[in-house]
Protein backbone atom coordinates (compact mmCIF):
# COMPACT_ATOMS: atom_id res chain seq x y z
CA MET A 1 113.71 124.65 84.18
CA VAL A 2 111.53 122.75 86.61
CA ARG A 3 108.30 123.72 88.31
CA SER A 4 106.12 121.81 90.71
CA ALA A 5 102.50 122.71 91.42
CA SER A 6 100.55 122.26 94.63
CA ARG A 7 96.84 121.42 94.76
CA PHE A 8 96.09 125.14 94.64
CA ALA A 9 97.13 125.19 90.97
CA GLY A 10 94.35 122.66 90.26
CA ASP A 11 93.84 118.93 89.88
CA PHE A 12 96.03 117.61 87.04
CA SER A 13 94.68 114.05 87.19
CA ASP A 14 93.20 114.74 83.75
CA PRO A 15 96.28 116.26 82.10
CA ARG A 16 94.22 117.51 79.16
CA ALA A 17 92.32 119.83 81.48
CA LEU A 18 93.43 123.12 83.00
CA PRO A 19 95.04 124.66 79.91
CA GLU A 20 95.64 127.97 81.66
CA ALA A 21 97.23 126.28 84.67
CA ARG A 22 99.43 124.19 82.37
CA SER A 23 100.56 127.27 80.51
CA ALA A 24 101.29 129.08 83.76
CA LEU A 25 103.52 126.23 84.91
CA ALA A 26 105.32 125.71 81.61
CA PRO A 27 104.35 127.71 78.51
CA PHE A 28 105.21 124.90 76.08
CA GLU A 29 103.57 121.76 74.75
CA TRP A 30 103.38 119.16 77.48
CA THR A 31 104.23 115.49 77.28
CA TRP A 32 102.44 113.62 80.05
CA LEU A 33 102.50 109.90 80.60
CA GLY A 34 100.09 107.04 81.17
CA GLN A 35 101.92 106.12 84.37
CA VAL A 36 101.99 102.37 85.09
CA HIS A 37 104.55 102.06 87.94
CA GLY A 38 107.10 100.51 85.61
CA SER A 39 110.52 101.40 84.23
CA GLU A 40 109.65 102.39 80.64
CA VAL A 41 111.24 105.63 79.44
CA VAL A 42 110.11 107.58 76.38
CA VAL A 43 112.48 109.76 74.36
CA VAL A 44 110.63 112.90 73.30
CA GLY A 45 111.82 114.16 69.93
CA GLN A 46 109.55 117.18 69.58
CA PRO A 47 107.26 119.20 71.84
CA GLY A 48 104.17 117.22 72.80
CA ALA A 49 105.44 113.92 71.40
CA CYS A 50 104.74 110.63 73.23
CA ARG A 51 101.77 112.20 75.00
CA GLY A 52 99.88 109.56 76.98
CA ALA A 53 102.51 106.84 76.43
CA ALA A 54 102.50 103.95 78.91
CA ALA A 55 105.69 104.92 80.72
CA ASP A 56 106.94 106.40 83.97
CA ALA A 57 109.79 108.55 82.71
CA ALA A 58 110.52 110.84 79.79
CA VAL A 59 113.72 112.43 78.52
CA THR A 60 114.50 114.93 75.79
CA ARG A 61 117.16 117.22 74.36
CA CYS A 62 114.48 119.14 72.45
CA ALA A 63 114.08 122.78 73.47
CA GLY A 64 110.50 123.74 74.30
CA ALA A 65 109.37 120.20 75.15
CA ALA A 66 107.76 120.17 78.61
CA LEU A 67 107.92 116.78 80.34
CA ALA A 68 105.37 116.20 83.10
CA VAL A 69 104.69 113.62 85.77
CA LEU A 70 101.60 113.61 87.97
CA THR A 71 101.85 112.53 91.59
CA ALA A 72 100.09 112.39 94.92
CA ASP A 73 102.29 110.35 97.31
CA CYS A 74 104.83 109.03 94.79
CA ALA A 75 108.00 111.04 94.24
CA PRO A 76 108.45 113.29 91.19
CA VAL A 77 112.09 113.33 90.11
CA ALA A 78 113.36 116.15 87.88
CA LEU A 79 116.58 115.52 85.97
CA SER A 80 118.90 117.85 84.09
CA SER A 81 122.39 118.03 82.61
CA GLU A 82 124.85 120.69 81.49
CA GLU A 83 124.48 119.40 77.92
CA GLY A 84 120.81 120.44 77.82
CA VAL A 85 119.34 116.95 78.18
CA VAL A 86 116.46 116.91 80.68
CA GLY A 87 114.17 114.27 82.09
CA VAL A 88 111.48 113.47 84.60
CA ALA A 89 110.48 110.30 86.43
CA HIS A 90 107.48 109.12 88.42
CA ALA A 91 109.01 107.17 91.31
CA GLY A 92 106.68 104.99 93.31
CA TRP A 93 107.98 101.96 95.13
CA ARG A 94 107.17 99.54 92.30
CA GLY A 95 108.89 101.74 89.74
CA LEU A 96 111.92 102.05 91.99
CA VAL A 97 112.17 98.27 92.33
CA ARG A 98 111.90 97.97 88.55
CA GLY A 99 114.63 100.57 88.01
CA VAL A 100 112.79 103.59 86.62
CA VAL A 101 115.30 106.12 87.95
CA GLU A 102 118.30 104.24 86.61
CA ALA A 103 116.57 103.78 83.25
CA ALA A 104 115.82 107.50 82.99
CA VAL A 105 119.41 108.47 83.77
CA ALA A 106 120.75 105.92 81.28
CA SER A 107 118.41 107.29 78.59
CA MET A 108 119.70 110.80 79.24
CA GLU A 109 123.28 109.59 78.94
CA ALA A 110 122.39 107.97 75.62
CA LEU A 111 121.30 111.44 74.45
CA GLY A 112 124.65 112.95 75.42
CA ALA A 113 124.34 113.84 79.11
CA ARG A 114 127.63 113.44 80.95
CA ARG A 115 126.53 114.33 84.47
CA VAL A 116 122.90 114.14 85.54
CA PHE A 117 121.56 116.29 88.37
CA ALA A 118 118.34 115.51 90.22
CA ALA A 119 115.74 117.28 92.33
CA VAL A 120 113.03 115.36 94.20
CA GLY A 121 109.64 116.95 94.76
CA PRO A 122 107.05 116.50 97.53
CA CYS A 123 106.19 112.88 98.34
CA ILE A 124 105.06 110.77 101.28
CA TRP A 125 107.51 110.46 104.17
CA PRO A 126 108.22 107.33 106.21
CA HIS A 127 106.39 108.32 109.39
CA ALA A 128 103.15 108.02 107.38
CA TYR A 129 104.06 105.23 104.96
CA ALA A 130 103.33 101.89 106.64
CA PHE A 131 104.54 99.04 104.47
CA SER A 132 104.18 95.28 104.35
CA ALA A 133 107.29 93.34 105.30
CA SER A 134 107.49 91.52 101.95
CA ASP A 135 107.20 94.69 99.88
CA LEU A 136 109.73 96.45 102.09
CA ASP A 137 112.10 93.53 101.61
CA ALA A 138 111.74 93.87 97.84
CA VAL A 139 112.74 97.54 97.94
CA ALA A 140 115.59 96.92 100.38
CA ASP A 141 116.91 94.00 98.33
CA ARG A 142 117.32 96.36 95.37
CA LEU A 143 118.25 99.65 97.03
CA GLY A 144 119.76 98.75 100.38
CA PRO A 145 118.86 98.99 104.07
CA SER A 146 118.56 102.79 104.14
CA VAL A 147 115.02 102.45 102.77
CA ARG A 148 113.80 100.78 105.97
CA ALA A 149 112.06 102.97 108.53
CA THR A 150 109.19 102.93 111.01
CA THR A 151 105.95 104.89 111.25
CA GLU A 152 105.04 107.09 114.19
CA ASP A 153 103.37 104.08 115.84
CA GLY A 154 106.25 101.70 115.20
CA GLN A 155 105.09 99.84 112.09
CA PRO A 156 107.52 98.93 109.29
CA ALA A 157 107.69 101.80 106.81
CA LEU A 158 109.33 102.73 103.52
CA ASP A 159 111.55 105.80 103.44
CA LEU A 160 110.65 106.90 99.92
CA PRO A 161 113.04 109.88 99.77
CA ALA A 162 115.89 107.58 100.86
CA ALA A 163 114.87 105.02 98.23
CA VAL A 164 114.95 107.65 95.49
CA GLY A 165 118.32 108.87 96.74
CA ALA A 166 119.69 105.32 96.66
CA ALA A 167 118.39 104.81 93.11
CA LEU A 168 120.01 108.06 91.99
CA GLU A 169 123.30 106.99 93.56
CA ARG A 170 123.12 103.63 91.77
CA ALA A 171 122.51 105.50 88.52
CA GLY A 172 125.50 107.79 89.06
CA ALA A 173 123.32 110.91 89.27
CA TYR A 174 123.81 113.83 91.67
CA LEU A 175 120.99 114.73 94.06
CA VAL A 176 121.07 118.53 94.41
CA ALA A 177 117.66 119.29 95.94
CA SER A 178 114.99 117.37 97.83
CA SER A 179 111.68 118.76 99.05
CA GLN A 180 111.06 118.65 102.78
CA THR A 181 107.28 118.46 102.23
CA CYS A 182 105.38 115.28 103.08
CA THR A 183 102.27 114.96 100.92
CA HIS A 184 100.48 112.99 103.64
CA CYS A 185 100.82 115.90 106.06
CA SER A 186 100.58 118.87 103.71
CA PRO A 187 97.15 120.46 103.19
CA ALA A 188 98.58 122.00 100.03
CA HIS A 189 99.13 118.64 98.32
CA PHE A 190 97.01 115.72 97.18
CA SER A 191 97.53 112.45 99.05
CA TRP A 192 95.99 109.05 98.43
CA ARG A 193 97.29 107.60 101.68
CA ALA A 194 96.02 110.45 103.86
CA ARG A 195 92.66 111.22 102.29
CA ALA A 196 92.08 108.72 99.44
CA GLU A 197 92.26 111.65 97.02
CA ARG A 198 92.35 110.96 93.29
CA GLY A 199 93.72 114.41 92.46
CA ARG A 200 97.28 114.85 91.24
CA GLN A 201 99.82 117.66 91.33
CA ALA A 202 102.14 118.19 88.40
CA THR A 203 105.91 118.48 88.13
CA VAL A 204 107.17 119.78 84.79
CA VAL A 205 110.72 119.92 83.40
CA TRP A 206 111.85 121.61 80.21
CA ARG A 207 114.76 123.11 78.37
CA SER A 208 114.01 126.66 77.31
CA PRO A 209 114.52 127.62 73.64
CA ALA A 210 117.69 129.62 73.06
């Protein structure tokens, strides 16, 4: 199962807060991460394990373990497999360059996943994501030219959904759903780029107990 909350569910920037909202999203013990825009993946062996770990992805085959990432403009990526292995990744541009998506998929495969399916939640879209030329080159060098775009006023921009899609393709995962919501434009979502907001929405993935 996967659920993604908008700002109307509350501000999850302090993941220890909002116990009722957390339970409404996923009625299990949460594992949230101390996100650092890297490629570290934690393997969660029991519900609530690895809570606060310095990582940007988590995977598990443990039923009842809810894996959460907190985002504003970065992309939340939910991962699942027919074998019951699930995962979640926080995909900002630095994490994508460092290979967080590929690392998460590889960690799921190490737990027995044969095919990994992905859904991408709300994130910033290229028309609002002006980017420096050097940083854009770094993403394109790793993930290909499809990540290059322009803003509404013609500045170089990063196409974050395309970058996530390219990373998933490199990892051999199957993209089955992608949100059409841009966090910069949506009044229902937090956005650092649009409003310098420090609030975060949550995306939670879990395997239900049998």
